Protein backbone atom coordinates (compact mmCIF):
# COMPACT_ATOMS: atom_id res chain seq x y z
CA UNK A 1 38.62 18.64 16.80
CA UNK A 2 34.70 17.35 17.83
CA UNK A 3 32.57 17.23 15.40
CA UNK A 4 28.51 17.67 16.16
CA UNK A 5 26.77 15.08 14.67
CA UNK A 6 23.15 16.50 15.70
CA UNK A 7 21.68 18.18 18.35
CA UNK A 8 18.80 16.80 20.90
CA UNK A 9 16.30 18.73 22.87
CA UNK A 10 16.41 16.72 26.10
CA UNK A 11 12.84 16.55 28.61
CA UNK A 12 15.04 19.60 30.60
CA UNK A 13 13.80 22.49 28.66
CA UNK A 14 17.09 24.26 29.66
CA UNK A 15 19.59 21.25 28.68
CA UNK A 16 20.83 20.23 25.20
CA UNK A 17 22.50 17.17 23.88
CA UNK A 18 25.22 17.48 21.57
CA UNK A 19 25.93 13.91 19.97
CA UNK A 20 29.58 14.19 18.44
CA UNK A 21 31.17 12.37 15.97
CA UNK A 22 34.22 12.14 18.99
CA UNK A 23 34.72 11.00 22.18
CA UNK A 24 35.14 13.86 24.22
CA UNK A 25 35.13 11.52 27.58
CA UNK A 26 35.98 7.97 27.40
CA UNK A 27 34.00 5.53 30.00
CA UNK A 28 33.86 7.96 32.87
CA UNK A 29 31.57 10.42 32.87
CA UNK A 30 32.95 14.15 33.14
CA UNK A 31 30.34 16.67 35.65
CA UNK A 32 31.41 20.09 35.88
CA UNK A 33 28.40 21.80 38.02
CA UNK A 34 29.91 25.17 37.53
CA UNK A 35 32.15 27.31 35.81
CA UNK A 36 34.97 26.84 38.93
CA UNK A 37 34.85 23.55 38.43
CA UNK A 38 35.72 23.58 34.96
CA UNK A 39 38.72 25.59 35.05
CA UNK A 40 41.48 22.78 34.15
CA UNK A 41 39.00 21.39 31.27
CA UNK A 42 39.46 23.47 28.00
CA UNK A 43 36.03 22.31 26.60
CA UNK A 44 33.69 22.83 29.49
CA UNK A 45 35.74 26.46 30.29
CA UNK A 46 34.80 27.51 26.87
CA UNK A 47 31.50 26.37 27.08
CA UNK A 48 30.90 28.37 30.57
CA UNK A 49 32.45 31.27 28.91
CA UNK A 50 29.89 31.78 26.04
CA UNK A 51 27.85 32.54 28.96
CA UNK A 52 24.04 31.72 30.85
CA UNK A 53 25.53 28.33 30.93
CA UNK A 54 24.73 26.21 34.58
CA UNK A 55 26.51 22.75 33.92
CA UNK A 56 28.23 21.01 31.41
CA UNK A 57 28.07 17.26 31.29
CA UNK A 58 30.24 15.14 29.32
CA UNK A 59 30.21 10.86 28.43
CA UNK A 60 31.66 9.38 25.72
CA UNK A 61 30.50 10.96 22.26
CA UNK A 62 27.97 12.99 23.54
CA UNK A 63 27.83 16.07 26.08
CA UNK A 64 25.13 17.66 27.53
CA UNK A 65 25.02 21.80 28.21
CA UNK A 66 22.72 23.53 30.68
CA UNK A 67 21.31 26.92 30.44
CA UNK A 68 19.77 29.84 32.53
CA UNK A 69 16.47 30.75 31.46
CA UNK A 70 17.17 33.95 29.99
CA UNK A 71 18.26 33.03 26.68
CA UNK A 72 16.68 30.81 24.03
CA UNK A 73 18.20 27.97 22.22
CA UNK A 74 18.45 29.95 18.56
CA UNK A 75 20.79 32.47 20.21
CA UNK A 76 22.52 29.59 21.95
CA UNK A 77 22.61 26.85 19.92
CA UNK A 78 25.42 28.60 17.69
CA UNK A 79 27.72 30.57 19.78
CA UNK A 80 27.75 26.57 21.92
CA UNK A 81 29.41 25.12 18.40
CA UNK A 82 32.37 27.42 18.26
CA UNK A 83 33.80 25.58 21.45
CA UNK A 84 32.50 21.93 20.71
CA UNK A 85 34.15 22.85 17.26
CA UNK A 86 37.12 23.55 17.95
CA UNK A 87 38.38 21.73 21.33
CA UNK A 88 40.43 18.44 20.85
CA UNK A 89 38.94 15.30 21.23
CA UNK A 90 39.89 12.28 23.42
CA UNK A 91 43.43 10.99 21.41
CA UNK A 92 41.86 8.60 19.02
CA UNK A 93 40.04 6.03 21.36
CA UNK A 94 37.27 4.32 20.79
CA UNK A 95 33.83 4.46 23.42
CA UNK A 96 33.21 0.47 21.91
CA UNK A 97 37.00 -0.23 23.07
CA UNK A 98 36.64 1.89 26.64
CA UNK A 99 35.59 -0.44 29.93
CA UNK A 100 32.35 1.89 30.79
CA UNK A 101 33.25 3.26 34.76
CA UNK A 102 30.51 4.70 36.45
CA UNK A 103 30.79 5.40 39.97
CA UNK A 104 33.73 7.13 41.38
CA UNK A 105 32.57 7.35 45.11
CA UNK A 106 32.18 3.80 46.32
CA UNK A 107 34.46 1.20 45.64
CA UNK A 108 33.59 -1.64 47.70
CA UNK A 109 33.47 -4.78 45.53
CA UNK A 110 32.73 -7.04 48.18
CA UNK A 111 29.34 -5.89 48.72
CA UNK A 112 26.68 -7.74 47.22
CA UNK A 113 24.18 -5.03 47.13
CA UNK A 114 25.88 -2.32 45.44
CA UNK A 115 27.32 -5.17 43.04
CA UNK A 116 23.15 -5.82 42.15
CA UNK A 117 22.69 -2.31 42.12
CA UNK A 118 25.69 -1.31 39.68
CA UNK A 119 24.56 -4.14 37.33
CA UNK A 120 21.21 -2.59 37.17
CA UNK A 121 22.09 0.68 36.93
CA UNK A 122 24.71 -0.10 34.03
CA UNK A 123 22.43 -2.16 31.98
CA UNK A 124 18.56 -0.76 32.19
CA UNK A 125 19.03 2.77 34.27
CA UNK A 126 21.65 4.75 32.35
CA UNK A 127 21.80 3.82 28.81
CA UNK A 128 17.86 5.52 29.21
CA UNK A 129 19.35 8.84 31.11
CA UNK A 130 22.60 8.81 28.29
CA UNK A 131 19.58 8.92 25.71
CA UNK A 132 18.74 11.97 27.52
CA UNK A 133 21.60 13.76 27.75
CA UNK A 134 21.99 12.81 31.86
CA UNK A 135 23.49 10.17 34.18
CA UNK A 136 23.81 9.61 37.24
CA UNK A 137 26.45 9.00 40.14
CA UNK A 138 26.08 6.64 42.88
CA UNK A 139 26.82 8.44 46.00
CA UNK A 140 26.15 6.35 48.96
CA UNK A 141 24.35 3.47 50.62
CA UNK A 142 22.98 3.03 54.06
CA UNK A 143 21.57 -0.28 54.48
CA UNK A 144 18.79 -0.20 52.15
CA UNK A 145 19.13 3.72 51.30
CA UNK A 146 20.61 4.10 48.09
CA UNK A 147 22.01 7.98 47.29
CA UNK A 148 22.30 9.06 43.88
CA UNK A 149 23.39 12.54 42.33
CA UNK A 150 22.06 13.11 39.05
CA UNK A 151 24.18 14.86 36.13
CA UNK A 152 23.83 16.51 32.74
CA UNK A 153 20.23 17.42 31.64
CA UNK A 154 18.94 15.25 34.53
CA UNK A 155 20.48 17.43 37.14
CA UNK A 156 17.75 20.76 36.80
CA UNK A 157 14.96 18.09 35.24
CA UNK A 158 11.86 18.56 36.97
CA UNK A 159 10.94 14.84 36.30
CA UNK A 160 14.49 13.53 37.92
CA UNK A 161 12.83 13.92 41.56
CA UNK A 162 9.34 12.48 40.30
CA UNK A 163 9.26 10.09 37.83
CA UNK A 164 12.73 9.64 37.24
CA UNK A 165 13.62 8.65 41.07
CA UNK A 166 9.98 6.42 41.33
CA UNK A 167 11.07 4.39 37.94
CA UNK A 168 15.02 3.82 39.17
CA UNK A 169 13.98 3.22 42.70
CA UNK A 170 11.28 0.61 41.29
CA UNK A 171 13.53 -1.16 39.11
CA UNK A 172 15.74 -1.72 41.94
CA UNK A 173 13.26 -2.84 44.04
CA UNK A 174 12.41 -5.68 41.84
CA UNK A 175 15.90 -6.77 40.49
CA UNK A 176 17.57 -5.87 43.89
CA UNK A 177 15.61 -5.60 47.10
CA UNK A 178 12.05 -4.71 47.46
CA UNK A 179 12.73 -2.40 50.28
CA UNK A 180 15.43 -0.28 48.75
CA UNK A 181 14.86 3.36 48.85
CA UNK A 182 16.37 5.86 46.82
CA UNK A 183 17.36 9.29 47.98
CA UNK A 184 18.25 12.02 45.43
CA UNK A 185 21.19 14.39 46.89
């Protein structure tokens, strides 16, 4: 039964981050972009059942809920707290001992550029996005084009397609290759 440690507003006015005292997704993030994708996850299904929820993102000891413009947070927060408190946590596993896994689409360990991109993302970018209730998924690479998909609060945040994307591209250009182009898909 995850307990809510705190609730944080994110740069996305339609997304709130719930910091929990117990893990709901160890290491590997879970992203539910709509209610249909949440059918096999009781917590995500319960959050969508509240209504006005457009996406749910879970990673380690936090989850982010994104809502429609129709309802305000003062009305939504108490409704969302009930399914979070009723949900089962991840069976006693500690996030400190879990090996973080972030990427699911690309697994070519022999690609040195992908390895370097992952290192930069895991060390500098993902912690910053997680602090705001979001994350990203490395979707693909074609030559020097890197394709990412934002998740959680970042998925519908206006800043993700402007400042954040430019910052990610700048870090990858500095640390990996000056000709890298980052595309959000």
